[in-house]
Amino acid sequence: MVTSSQTTQATGVLLMAEQDNCLIARSALHIGDIVLIDARPVILTQNIDIGHKLARRALAIGDKVLRYGAPIGSVTHAIAIGEHIHTHNLESDYIPTYTLSGEGHHFLER
């Protein structure tokens, strides 16, 4: 059992469907926080904003990310368990991916 003051309780992340390979942050998570992923303590190596995804298990390039039991995109860079899943390592299979800058939205090349 993990007994750290930084341990995020099971309610810190949401599993939307049993077959999902990502979890959703219910609050802002920080480097060094410990989250329980499938009853296994995982120390976070990145900050993850509320509502963002983190890996439920390690994912390889080309793997499909499942949310609500449905594929939402393809992994573009290897992702370790507990790592942030976002536009830097996931490409949507359905819509263009964009990032925000001082000048507005910029579409990433596919």
PDB file of N, CA and C in Angstrom:
ATOM      1  N   MET A   1       0.844  -1.194   0.000  1.00  0.00           N
ATOM      2  CA  MET A   1       0.000   0.000   0.000  1.00  0.00           C
ATOM      3  C   MET A   1       0.877   1.240   0.000  1.00  0.00           C
ATOM      4  N   VAL A   2       0.544   2.212  -0.822  1.00  0.00           N
ATOM      5  CA  VAL A   2       1.298   3.450  -0.907  1.00  0.00           C
ATOM      6  C   VAL A   2       0.777   4.400   0.150  1.00  0.00           C
ATOM      7  N   THR A   3       1.666   5.000   0.899  1.00  0.00           N
ATOM      8  CA  THR A   3       1.247   5.912   1.967  1.00  0.00           C
ATOM      9  C   THR A   3       1.915   7.261   1.813  1.00  0.00           C
ATOM     10  N   SER A   4       1.874   7.836   0.639  1.00  0.00           N
ATOM     11  CA  SER A   4       2.465   9.137   0.373  1.00  0.00           C
ATOM     12  C   SER A   4       1.402  10.216   0.457  1.00  0.00           C
ATOM     13  N   SER A   5       1.823  11.401   0.914  1.00  0.00           N
ATOM     14  CA  SER A   5       0.866  12.519   0.959  1.00  0.00           C
ATOM     15  C   SER A   5       0.503  12.966  -0.442  1.00  0.00           C
ATOM     16  N   GLN A   6       1.288  12.538  -1.436  1.00  0.00           N
ATOM     17  CA  GLN A   6       1.018  12.915  -2.821  1.00  0.00           C
ATOM     18  C   GLN A   6       0.200  11.861  -3.560  1.00  0.00           C
ATOM     19  N   THR A   7      -0.207  10.805  -2.891  1.00  0.00           N
ATOM     20  CA  THR A   7      -0.977   9.774  -3.571  1.00  0.00           C
ATOM     21  C   THR A   7      -2.343  10.317  -3.944  1.00  0.00           C
ATOM     22  N   THR A   8      -2.693  10.174  -5.210  1.00  0.00           N
ATOM     23  CA  THR A   8      -4.004  10.577  -5.682  1.00  0.00           C
ATOM     24  C   THR A   8      -4.934   9.380  -5.522  1.00  0.00           C
ATOM     25  N   GLN A   9      -6.025   9.577  -4.855  1.00  0.00           N
ATOM     26  CA  GLN A   9      -6.963   8.492  -4.613  1.00  0.00           C
ATOM     27  C   GLN A   9      -7.528   7.982  -5.935  1.00  0.00           C
ATOM     28  N   ALA A  10      -8.180   6.841  -5.878  1.00  0.00           N
ATOM     29  CA  ALA A  10      -8.756   6.226  -7.074  1.00  0.00           C
ATOM     30  C   ALA A  10      -9.674   7.200  -7.803  1.00  0.00           C
ATOM     31  N   THR A  11     -10.240   8.173  -7.090  1.00  0.00           N
ATOM     32  CA  THR A  11     -11.137   9.143  -7.723  1.00  0.00           C
ATOM     33  C   THR A  11     -10.365  10.208  -8.503  1.00  0.00           C
ATOM     34  N   GLY A  12      -9.011  10.205  -8.453  1.00  0.00           N
ATOM     35  CA  GLY A  12      -8.208  11.192  -9.168  1.00  0.00           C
ATOM     36  C   GLY A  12      -8.207  10.984 -10.668  1.00  0.00           C
ATOM     37  N   VAL A  13      -8.504   9.768 -11.101  1.00  0.00           N
ATOM     38  CA  VAL A  13      -8.575   9.464 -12.530  1.00  0.00           C
ATOM     39  C   VAL A  13      -9.843   8.671 -12.801  1.00  0.00           C
ATOM     40  N   LEU A  14     -10.349   8.824 -14.006  1.00  0.00           N
ATOM     41  CA  LEU A  14     -11.581   8.141 -14.412  1.00  0.00           C
ATOM     42  C   LEU A  14     -11.302   7.142 -15.523  1.00  0.00           C
ATOM     43  N   LEU A  15     -11.874   5.972 -15.408  1.00  0.00           N
ATOM     44  CA  LEU A  15     -11.887   4.988 -16.488  1.00  0.00           C
ATOM     45  C   LEU A  15     -13.287   5.047 -17.082  1.00  0.00           C
ATOM     46  N   MET A  16     -13.369   5.441 -18.350  1.00  0.00           N
ATOM     47  CA  MET A  16     -14.677   5.645 -18.971  1.00  0.00           C
ATOM     48  C   MET A  16     -15.307   4.336 -19.441  1.00  0.00           C
ATOM     49  N   ALA A  17     -14.486   3.372 -19.883  1.00  0.00           N
ATOM     50  CA  ALA A  17     -14.980   2.062 -20.322  1.00  0.00           C
ATOM     51  C   ALA A  17     -13.879   1.049 -20.039  1.00  0.00           C
ATOM     52  N   GLU A  18     -14.262  -0.160 -19.679  1.00  0.00           N
ATOM     53  CA  GLU A  18     -13.294  -1.184 -19.277  1.00  0.00           C
ATOM     54  C   GLU A  18     -12.220  -1.446 -20.329  1.00  0.00           C
ATOM     55  N   GLN A  19     -12.538  -1.353 -21.607  1.00  0.00           N
ATOM     56  CA  GLN A  19     -11.565  -1.633 -22.652  1.00  0.00           C
ATOM     57  C   GLN A  19     -10.639  -0.453 -22.953  1.00  0.00           C
ATOM     58  N   ASP A  20     -10.870   0.707 -22.340  1.00  0.00           N
ATOM     59  CA  ASP A  20     -10.032   1.886 -22.594  1.00  0.00           C
ATOM     60  C   ASP A  20      -8.594   1.651 -22.171  1.00  0.00           C
ATOM     61  N   ASN A  21      -7.662   2.228 -22.938  1.00  0.00           N
ATOM     62  CA  ASN A  21      -6.258   2.183 -22.551  1.00  0.00           C
ATOM     63  C   ASN A  21      -5.761   3.558 -22.110  1.00  0.00           C
ATOM     64  N   CYS A  22      -6.713   4.465 -21.845  1.00  0.00           N
ATOM     65  CA  CYS A  22      -6.385   5.760 -21.268  1.00  0.00           C
ATOM     66  C   CYS A  22      -7.345   6.042 -20.119  1.00  0.00           C
ATOM     67  N   LEU A  23      -6.894   6.923 -19.240  1.00  0.00           N
ATOM     68  CA  LEU A  23      -7.697   7.384 -18.103  1.00  0.00           C
ATOM     69  C   LEU A  23      -7.818   8.890 -18.223  1.00  0.00           C
ATOM     70  N   ILE A  24      -8.790   9.478 -17.539  1.00  0.00           N
ATOM     71  CA  ILE A  24      -9.013  10.913 -17.583  1.00  0.00           C
ATOM     72  C   ILE A  24      -8.698  11.500 -16.210  1.00  0.00           C
ATOM     73  N   ALA A  25      -7.912  12.582 -16.200  1.00  0.00           N
ATOM     74  CA  ALA A  25      -7.569  13.257 -14.945  1.00  0.00           C
ATOM     75  C   ALA A  25      -8.786  14.029 -14.434  1.00  0.00           C
ATOM     76  N   ARG A  26      -9.206  13.731 -13.203  1.00  0.00           N
ATOM     77  CA  ARG A  26     -10.349  14.427 -12.590  1.00  0.00           C
ATOM     78  C   ARG A  26      -9.943  15.727 -11.924  1.00  0.00           C
ATOM     79  N   SER A  27      -8.648  15.923 -11.762  1.00  0.00           N
ATOM     80  CA  SER A  27      -8.090  17.166 -11.217  1.00  0.00           C
ATOM     81  C   SER A  27      -6.703  17.319 -11.820  1.00  0.00           C
ATOM     82  N   ALA A  28      -6.101  18.478 -11.625  1.00  0.00           N
ATOM     83  CA  ALA A  28      -4.743  18.668 -12.128  1.00  0.00           C
ATOM     84  C   ALA A  28      -3.813  17.712 -11.385  1.00  0.00           C
ATOM     85  N   LEU A  29      -2.987  17.004 -12.134  1.00  0.00           N
ATOM     86  CA  LEU A  29      -2.022  16.067 -11.565  1.00  0.00           C
ATOM     87  C   LEU A  29      -0.624  16.637 -11.807  1.00  0.00           C
ATOM     88  N   HIS A  30       0.298  16.340 -10.898  1.00  0.00           N
ATOM     89  CA  HIS A  30       1.608  16.985 -10.942  1.00  0.00           C
ATOM     90  C   HIS A  30       2.744  15.964 -10.927  1.00  0.00           C
ATOM     91  N   ILE A  31       3.882  16.379 -11.478  1.00  0.00           N
ATOM     92  CA  ILE A  31       5.086  15.548 -11.449  1.00  0.00           C
ATOM     93  C   ILE A  31       5.312  15.083 -10.011  1.00  0.00           C
ATOM     94  N   GLY A  32       5.545  13.795  -9.842  1.00  0.00           N
ATOM     95  CA  GLY A  32       5.803  13.244  -8.514  1.00  0.00           C
ATOM     96  C   GLY A  32       4.567  12.708  -7.821  1.00  0.00           C
ATOM     97  N   ASP A  33       3.375  13.098  -8.293  1.00  0.00           N
ATOM     98  CA  ASP A  33       2.145  12.524  -7.728  1.00  0.00           C
ATOM     99  C   ASP A  33       2.135  11.029  -8.003  1.00  0.00           C
ATOM    100  N   ILE A  34       1.518  10.301  -7.127  1.00  0.00           N
ATOM    101  CA  ILE A  34       1.357   8.863  -7.315  1.00  0.00           C
ATOM    102  C   ILE A  34      -0.113   8.599  -7.575  1.00  0.00           C
ATOM    103  N   VAL A  35      -0.408   7.994  -8.708  1.00  0.00           N
ATOM    104  CA  VAL A  35      -1.792   7.625  -9.027  1.00  0.00           C
ATOM    105  C   VAL A  35      -1.889   6.108  -9.057  1.00  0.00           C
ATOM    106  N   LEU A  36      -3.051   5.618  -8.724  1.00  0.00           N
ATOM    107  CA  LEU A  36      -3.294   4.183  -8.788  1.00  0.00           C
ATOM    108  C   LEU A  36      -3.900   3.860 -10.140  1.00  0.00           C
ATOM    109  N   ILE A  37      -3.182   3.054 -10.915  1.00  0.00           N
ATOM    110  CA  ILE A  37      -3.653   2.632 -12.227  1.00  0.00           C
ATOM    111  C   ILE A  37      -3.833   1.125 -12.159  1.00  0.00           C
ATOM    112  N   ASP A  38      -5.081   0.692 -12.218  1.00  0.00           N
ATOM    113  CA  ASP A  38      -5.404  -0.730 -12.069  1.00  0.00           C
ATOM    114  C   ASP A  38      -4.764  -1.287 -10.796  1.00  0.00           C
ATOM    115  N   ALA A  39      -4.919  -0.544  -9.704  1.00  0.00           N
ATOM    116  CA  ALA A  39      -4.443  -0.901  -8.359  1.00  0.00           C
ATOM    117  C   ALA A  39      -2.917  -0.907  -8.245  1.00  0.00           C
ATOM    118  N   ARG A  40      -2.227  -0.369  -9.246  1.00  0.00           N
ATOM    119  CA  ARG A  40      -0.760  -0.301  -9.229  1.00  0.00           C
ATOM    120  C   ARG A  40      -0.336   1.156  -9.057  1.00  0.00           C
ATOM    121  N   PRO A  41       0.501   1.470  -8.051  1.00  0.00           N
ATOM    122  CA  PRO A  41       0.952   2.856  -7.885  1.00  0.00           C
ATOM    123  C   PRO A  41       1.930   3.253  -8.992  1.00  0.00           C
ATOM    124  N   VAL A  42       1.673   4.405  -9.610  1.00  0.00           N
ATOM    125  CA  VAL A  42       2.519   4.915 -10.695  1.00  0.00           C
ATOM    126  C   VAL A  42       2.896   6.352 -10.343  1.00  0.00           C
ATOM    127  N   ILE A  43       4.204   6.643 -10.365  1.00  0.00           N
ATOM    128  CA  ILE A  43       4.688   7.996 -10.098  1.00  0.00           C
ATOM    129  C   ILE A  43       4.669   8.770 -11.409  1.00  0.00           C
ATOM    130  N   LEU A  44       3.997   9.919 -11.408  1.00  0.00           N
ATOM    131  CA  LEU A  44       3.883  10.716 -12.632  1.00  0.00           C
ATOM    132  C   LEU A  44       5.178  11.452 -12.933  1.00  0.00           C
ATOM    133  N   THR A  45       5.540  11.487 -14.205  1.00  0.00           N
ATOM    134  CA  THR A  45       6.745  12.175 -14.651  1.00  0.00           C
ATOM    135  C   THR A  45       6.421  13.463 -15.399  1.00  0.00           C
ATOM    136  N   GLN A  46       5.102  13.772 -15.493  1.00  0.00           N
ATOM    137  CA  GLN A  46       4.650  14.964 -16.211  1.00  0.00           C
ATOM    138  C   GLN A  46       3.455  15.556 -15.482  1.00  0.00           C
ATOM    139  N   ASN A  47       3.255  16.855 -15.645  1.00  0.00           N
ATOM    140  CA  ASN A  47       2.020  17.479 -15.187  1.00  0.00           C
ATOM    141  C   ASN A  47       0.920  17.119 -16.178  1.00  0.00           C
ATOM    142  N   ILE A  48      -0.284  16.872 -15.665  1.00  0.00           N
ATOM    143  CA  ILE A  48      -1.425  16.533 -16.521  1.00  0.00           C
ATOM    144  C   ILE A  48      -2.601  17.381 -16.069  1.00  0.00           C
ATOM    145  N   ASP A  49      -3.130  18.188 -16.980  1.00  0.00           N
ATOM    146  CA  ASP A  49      -4.241  19.077 -16.655  1.00  0.00           C
ATOM    147  C   ASP A  49      -5.540  18.310 -16.458  1.00  0.00           C
ATOM    148  N   ILE A  50      -6.439  18.908 -15.723  1.00  0.00           N
ATOM    149  CA  ILE A  50      -7.766  18.330 -15.515  1.00  0.00           C
ATOM    150  C   ILE A  50      -8.414  18.063 -16.875  1.00  0.00           C
ATOM    151  N   GLY A  51      -9.027  16.897 -17.008  1.00  0.00           N
ATOM    152  CA  GLY A  51      -9.709  16.528 -18.243  1.00  0.00           C
ATOM    153  C   GLY A  51      -8.818  15.913 -19.301  1.00  0.00           C
ATOM    154  N   HIS A  52      -7.504  15.940 -19.083  1.00  0.00           N
ATOM    155  CA  HIS A  52      -6.591  15.361 -20.071  1.00  0.00           C
ATOM    156  C   HIS A  52      -6.416  13.865 -19.831  1.00  0.00           C
ATOM    157  N   LYS A  53      -5.872  13.192 -20.830  1.00  0.00           N
ATOM    158  CA  LYS A  53      -5.722  11.733 -20.790  1.00  0.00           C
ATOM    159  C   LYS A  53      -4.336  11.335 -20.301  1.00  0.00           C
ATOM    160  N   LEU A  54      -4.256  10.185 -19.621  1.00  0.00           N
ATOM    161  CA  LEU A  54      -2.984   9.561 -19.296  1.00  0.00           C
ATOM    162  C   LEU A  54      -3.088   8.081 -19.623  1.00  0.00           C
ATOM    163  N   ALA A  55      -1.947   7.498 -19.916  1.00  0.00           N
ATOM    164  CA  ALA A  55      -1.907   6.114 -20.387  1.00  0.00           C
ATOM    165  C   ALA A  55      -2.210   5.131 -19.263  1.00  0.00           C
ATOM    166  N   ARG A  56      -3.112   4.228 -19.517  1.00  0.00           N
ATOM    167  CA  ARG A  56      -3.450   3.157 -18.574  1.00  0.00           C
ATOM    168  C   ARG A  56      -2.415   2.036 -18.637  1.00  0.00           C
ATOM    169  N   ARG A  57      -1.749   1.924 -19.771  1.00  0.00           N
ATOM    170  CA  ARG A  57      -0.664   0.957 -19.955  1.00  0.00           C
ATOM    171  C   ARG A  57       0.280   1.542 -21.006  1.00  0.00           C
ATOM    172  N   ALA A  58       1.447   0.927 -21.179  1.00  0.00           N
ATOM    173  CA  ALA A  58       2.391   1.398 -22.188  1.00  0.00           C
ATOM    174  C   ALA A  58       1.773   1.245 -23.575  1.00  0.00           C
ATOM    175  N   LEU A  59       2.006   2.239 -24.426  1.00  0.00           N
ATOM    176  CA  LEU A  59       1.470   2.240 -25.785  1.00  0.00           C
ATOM    177  C   LEU A  59       2.604   2.456 -26.771  1.00  0.00           C
ATOM    178  N   ALA A  60       2.567   1.727 -27.876  1.00  0.00           N
ATOM    179  CA  ALA A  60       3.597   1.811 -28.906  1.00  0.00           C
ATOM    180  C   ALA A  60       3.112   2.657 -30.077  1.00  0.00           C
ATOM    181  N   ILE A  61       4.057   3.121 -30.869  1.00  0.00           N
ATOM    182  CA  ILE A  61       3.716   3.876 -32.080  1.00  0.00           C
ATOM    183  C   ILE A  61       2.751   3.044 -32.928  1.00  0.00           C
ATOM    184  N   GLY A  62       1.668   3.688 -33.354  1.00  0.00           N
ATOM    185  CA  GLY A  62       0.670   3.023 -34.185  1.00  0.00           C
ATOM    186  C   GLY A  62      -0.495   2.438 -33.404  1.00  0.00           C
ATOM    187  N   ASP A  63      -0.327   2.257 -32.080  1.00  0.00           N
ATOM    188  CA  ASP A  63      -1.448   1.752 -31.271  1.00  0.00           C
ATOM    189  C   ASP A  63      -2.613   2.731 -31.331  1.00  0.00           C
ATOM    190  N   LYS A  64      -3.811   2.214 -31.267  1.00  0.00           N
ATOM    191  CA  LYS A  64      -5.008   3.047 -31.188  1.00  0.00           C
ATOM    192  C   LYS A  64      -5.275   3.376 -29.725  1.00  0.00           C
ATOM    193  N   VAL A  65      -5.590   4.636 -29.440  1.00  0.00           N
ATOM    194  CA  VAL A  65      -5.997   5.038 -28.096  1.00  0.00           C
ATOM    195  C   VAL A  65      -7.506   4.887 -28.031  1.00  0.00           C
ATOM    196  N   LEU A  66      -7.973   4.188 -27.020  1.00  0.00           N
ATOM    197  CA  LEU A  66      -9.404   3.938 -26.842  1.00  0.00           C
ATOM    198  C   LEU A  66      -9.944   4.775 -25.695  1.00  0.00           C
ATOM    199  N   ARG A  67     -11.008   5.505 -25.971  1.00  0.00           N
ATOM    200  CA  ARG A  67     -11.732   6.283 -24.955  1.00  0.00           C
ATOM    201  C   ARG A  67     -13.207   6.004 -25.179  1.00  0.00           C
ATOM    202  N   TYR A  68     -13.940   5.751 -24.127  1.00  0.00           N
ATOM    203  CA  TYR A  68     -15.341   5.316 -24.222  1.00  0.00           C
ATOM    204  C   TYR A  68     -15.441   4.038 -25.051  1.00  0.00           C
ATOM    205  N   GLY A  69     -14.377   3.250 -25.081  1.00  0.00           N
ATOM    206  CA  GLY A  69     -14.376   1.999 -25.830  1.00  0.00           C
ATOM    207  C   GLY A  69     -14.197   2.153 -27.324  1.00  0.00           C
ATOM    208  N   ALA A  70     -13.975   3.384 -27.785  1.00  0.00           N
ATOM    209  CA  ALA A  70     -13.839   3.642 -29.222  1.00  0.00           C
ATOM    210  C   ALA A  70     -12.474   4.255 -29.512  1.00  0.00           C
ATOM    211  N   PRO A  71     -11.887   3.957 -30.671  1.00  0.00           N
ATOM    212  CA  PRO A  71     -10.596   4.560 -31.010  1.00  0.00           C
ATOM    213  C   PRO A  71     -10.758   6.051 -31.280  1.00  0.00           C
ATOM    214  N   ILE A  72      -9.844   6.845 -30.700  1.00  0.00           N
ATOM    215  CA  ILE A  72      -9.891   8.296 -30.909  1.00  0.00           C
ATOM    216  C   ILE A  72      -8.685   8.799 -31.687  1.00  0.00           C
ATOM    217  N   GLY A  73      -7.660   7.945 -31.845  1.00  0.00           N
ATOM    218  CA  GLY A  73      -6.476   8.359 -32.576  1.00  0.00           C
ATOM    219  C   GLY A  73      -5.390   7.317 -32.492  1.00  0.00           C
ATOM    220  N   SER A  74      -4.263   7.645 -33.131  1.00  0.00           N
ATOM    221  CA  SER A  74      -3.112   6.744 -33.197  1.00  0.00           C
ATOM    222  C   SER A  74      -1.917   7.362 -32.487  1.00  0.00           C
ATOM    223  N   VAL A  75      -1.187   6.527 -31.775  1.00  0.00           N
ATOM    224  CA  VAL A  75       0.004   6.960 -31.049  1.00  0.00           C
ATOM    225  C   VAL A  75       1.118   7.275 -32.048  1.00  0.00           C
ATOM    226  N   THR A  76       1.757   8.453 -31.895  1.00  0.00           N
ATOM    227  CA  THR A  76       2.839   8.866 -32.788  1.00  0.00           C
ATOM    228  C   THR A  76       4.217   8.739 -32.141  1.00  0.00           C
ATOM    229  N   HIS A  77       4.274   8.643 -30.820  1.00  0.00           N
ATOM    230  CA  HIS A  77       5.511   8.441 -30.059  1.00  0.00           C
ATOM    231  C   HIS A  77       5.168   7.476 -28.927  1.00  0.00           C
ATOM    232  N   ALA A  78       6.101   6.603 -28.569  1.00  0.00           N
ATOM    233  CA  ALA A  78       5.857   5.642 -27.485  1.00  0.00           C
ATOM    234  C   ALA A  78       5.431   6.378 -26.216  1.00  0.00           C
ATOM    235  N   ILE A  79       4.476   5.788 -25.494  1.00  0.00           N
ATOM    236  CA  ILE A  79       3.910   6.386 -24.284  1.00  0.00           C
ATOM    237  C   ILE A  79       4.000   5.355 -23.159  1.00  0.00           C
ATOM    238  N   ALA A  80       4.598   5.747 -22.039  1.00  0.00           N
ATOM    239  CA  ALA A  80       4.710   4.853 -20.881  1.00  0.00           C
ATOM    240  C   ALA A  80       3.449   4.954 -20.035  1.00  0.00           C
ATOM    241  N   ILE A  81       3.212   3.954 -19.207  1.00  0.00           N
ATOM    242  CA  ILE A  81       2.076   3.988 -18.294  1.00  0.00           C
ATOM    243  C   ILE A  81       2.138   5.273 -17.456  1.00  0.00           C
ATOM    244  N   GLY A  82       1.013   5.948 -17.336  1.00  0.00           N
ATOM    245  CA  GLY A  82       0.926   7.170 -16.554  1.00  0.00           C
ATOM    246  C   GLY A  82       1.329   8.439 -17.273  1.00  0.00           C
ATOM    247  N   GLU A  83       1.824   8.334 -18.503  1.00  0.00           N
ATOM    248  CA  GLU A  83       2.226   9.535 -19.242  1.00  0.00           C
ATOM    249  C   GLU A  83       1.030  10.230 -19.871  1.00  0.00           C
ATOM    250  N   HIS A  84       1.194  11.526 -20.058  1.00  0.00           N
ATOM    251  CA  HIS A  84       0.192  12.385 -20.679  1.00  0.00           C
ATOM    252  C   HIS A  84      -0.018  11.959 -22.137  1.00  0.00           C
ATOM    253  N   ILE A  85      -1.260  11.870 -22.553  1.00  0.00           N
ATOM    254  CA  ILE A  85      -1.607  11.595 -23.947  1.00  0.00           C
ATOM    255  C   ILE A  85      -2.268  12.857 -24.487  1.00  0.00           C
ATOM    256  N   HIS A  86      -1.658  13.451 -25.508  1.00  0.00           N
ATOM    257  CA  HIS A  86      -2.203  14.680 -26.082  1.00  0.00           C
ATOM    258  C   HIS A  86      -1.620  14.841 -27.489  1.00  0.00           C
ATOM    259  N   THR A  87      -1.701  16.023 -28.062  1.00  0.00           N
ATOM    260  CA  THR A  87      -1.308  16.244 -29.452  1.00  0.00           C
ATOM    261  C   THR A  87       0.186  16.016 -29.712  1.00  0.00           C
ATOM    262  N   HIS A  88       1.005  15.980 -28.676  1.00  0.00           N
ATOM    263  CA  HIS A  88       2.446  15.740 -28.872  1.00  0.00           C
ATOM    264  C   HIS A  88       2.760  14.260 -29.116  1.00  0.00           C
ATOM    265  N   ASN A  89       1.809  13.362 -28.824  1.00  0.00           N
ATOM    266  CA  ASN A  89       2.059  11.924 -29.026  1.00  0.00           C
ATOM    267  C   ASN A  89       0.824  11.171 -29.526  1.00  0.00           C
ATOM    268  N   LEU A  90      -0.180  11.904 -29.969  1.00  0.00           N
ATOM    269  CA  LEU A  90      -1.416  11.304 -30.478  1.00  0.00           C
ATOM    270  C   LEU A  90      -1.904  12.098 -31.676  1.00  0.00           C
ATOM    271  N   GLU A  91      -2.259  11.380 -32.726  1.00  0.00           N
ATOM    272  CA  GLU A  91      -2.837  12.012 -33.908  1.00  0.00           C
ATOM    273  C   GLU A  91      -4.259  11.521 -34.065  1.00  0.00           C
ATOM    274  N   SER A  92      -5.178  12.457 -34.199  1.00  0.00           N
ATOM    275  CA  SER A  92      -6.573  12.091 -34.399  1.00  0.00           C
ATOM    276  C   SER A  92      -6.735  11.341 -35.717  1.00  0.00           C
ATOM    277  N   ASP A  93      -7.557  10.327 -35.703  1.00  0.00           N
ATOM    278  CA  ASP A  93      -7.868   9.598 -36.931  1.00  0.00           C
ATOM    279  C   ASP A  93      -9.043  10.242 -37.679  1.00  0.00           C
ATOM    280  N   TYR A  94      -9.617  11.290 -37.093  1.00  0.00           N
ATOM    281  CA  TYR A  94     -10.874  11.805 -37.623  1.00  0.00           C
ATOM    282  C   TYR A  94     -10.849  13.280 -37.970  1.00  0.00           C
ATOM    283  N   ILE A  95     -10.147  14.081 -37.188  1.00  0.00           N
ATOM    284  CA  ILE A  95     -10.130  15.528 -37.434  1.00  0.00           C
ATOM    285  C   ILE A  95      -8.687  16.020 -37.407  1.00  0.00           C
ATOM    286  N   PRO A  96      -8.412  17.152 -38.062  1.00  0.00           N
ATOM    287  CA  PRO A  96      -7.058  17.709 -37.991  1.00  0.00           C
ATOM    288  C   PRO A  96      -6.699  18.031 -36.538  1.00  0.00           C
ATOM    289  N   THR A  97      -5.445  17.861 -36.205  1.00  0.00           N
ATOM    290  CA  THR A  97      -4.961  18.188 -34.873  1.00  0.00           C
ATOM    291  C   THR A  97      -4.386  19.592 -34.912  1.00  0.00           C
ATOM    292  N   TYR A  98      -4.620  20.376 -33.869  1.00  0.00           N
ATOM    293  CA  TYR A  98      -4.101  21.733 -33.836  1.00  0.00           C
ATOM    294  C   TYR A  98      -3.461  22.010 -32.489  1.00  0.00           C
ATOM    295  N   THR A  99      -2.621  23.039 -32.483  1.00  0.00           N
ATOM    296  CA  THR A  99      -2.041  23.545 -31.249  1.00  0.00           C
ATOM    297  C   THR A  99      -2.367  25.024 -31.174  1.00  0.00           C
ATOM    298  N   LEU A 100      -2.334  25.556 -29.983  1.00  0.00           N
ATOM    299  CA  LEU A 100      -2.587  26.978 -29.804  1.00  0.00           C
ATOM    300  C   LEU A 100      -1.266  27.717 -29.710  1.00  0.00           C
ATOM    301  N   SER A 101      -1.208  28.888 -30.314  1.00  0.00           N
ATOM    302  CA  SER A 101      -0.042  29.754 -30.179  1.00  0.00           C
ATOM    303  C   SER A 101      -0.561  31.170 -29.984  1.00  0.00           C
ATOM    304  N   GLY A 102       0.330  32.098 -29.877  1.00  0.00           N
ATOM    305  CA  GLY A 102      -0.069  33.487 -29.713  1.00  0.00           C
ATOM    306  C   GLY A 102      -0.872  34.010 -30.879  1.00  0.00           C
ATOM    307  N   GLU A 103      -0.760  33.348 -32.028  1.00  0.00           N
ATOM    308  CA  GLU A 103      -1.452  33.796 -33.222  1.00  0.00           C
ATOM    309  C   GLU A 103      -2.729  33.019 -33.504  1.00  0.00           C
ATOM    310  N   GLY A 104      -3.092  32.109 -32.613  1.00  0.00           N
ATOM    311  CA  GLY A 104      -4.319  31.346 -32.819  1.00  0.00           C
ATOM    312  C   GLY A 104      -4.033  29.886 -33.067  1.00  0.00           C
ATOM    313  N   HIS A 105      -4.913  29.226 -33.785  1.00  0.00           N
ATOM    314  CA  HIS A 105      -4.793  27.792 -34.049  1.00  0.00           C
ATOM    315  C   HIS A 105      -3.846  27.535 -35.228  1.00  0.00           C
ATOM    316  N   HIS A 106      -3.020  26.542 -35.057  1.00  0.00           N
ATOM    317  CA  HIS A 106      -2.130  26.109 -36.135  1.00  0.00           C
ATOM    318  C   HIS A 106      -2.291  24.622 -36.305  1.00  0.00           C
ATOM    319  N   PHE A 107      -2.607  24.201 -37.503  1.00  0.00           N
ATOM    320  CA  PHE A 107      -2.795  22.774 -37.762  1.00  0.00           C
ATOM    321  C   PHE A 107      -1.442  22.090 -37.916  1.00  0.00           C
ATOM    322  N   LEU A 108      -1.324  20.927 -37.324  1.00  0.00           N
ATOM    323  CA  LEU A 108      -0.109  20.140 -37.456  1.00  0.00           C
ATOM    324  C   LEU A 108      -0.178  19.360 -38.752  1.00  0.00           C
ATOM    325  N   GLU A 109       0.945  19.208 -39.411  1.00  0.00           N
ATOM    326  CA  GLU A 109       0.957  18.433 -40.640  1.00  0.00           C
ATOM    327  C   GLU A 109       0.775  16.962 -40.320  1.00  0.00           C
ATOM    328  N   ARG A 110       0.065  16.257 -41.160  1.00  0.00           N
ATOM    329  CA  ARG A 110      -0.156  14.829 -40.988  1.00  0.00           C
ATOM    330  C   ARG A 110       0.896  14.053 -41.701  1.00  0.00           C
TER     331      ARG A 110
END
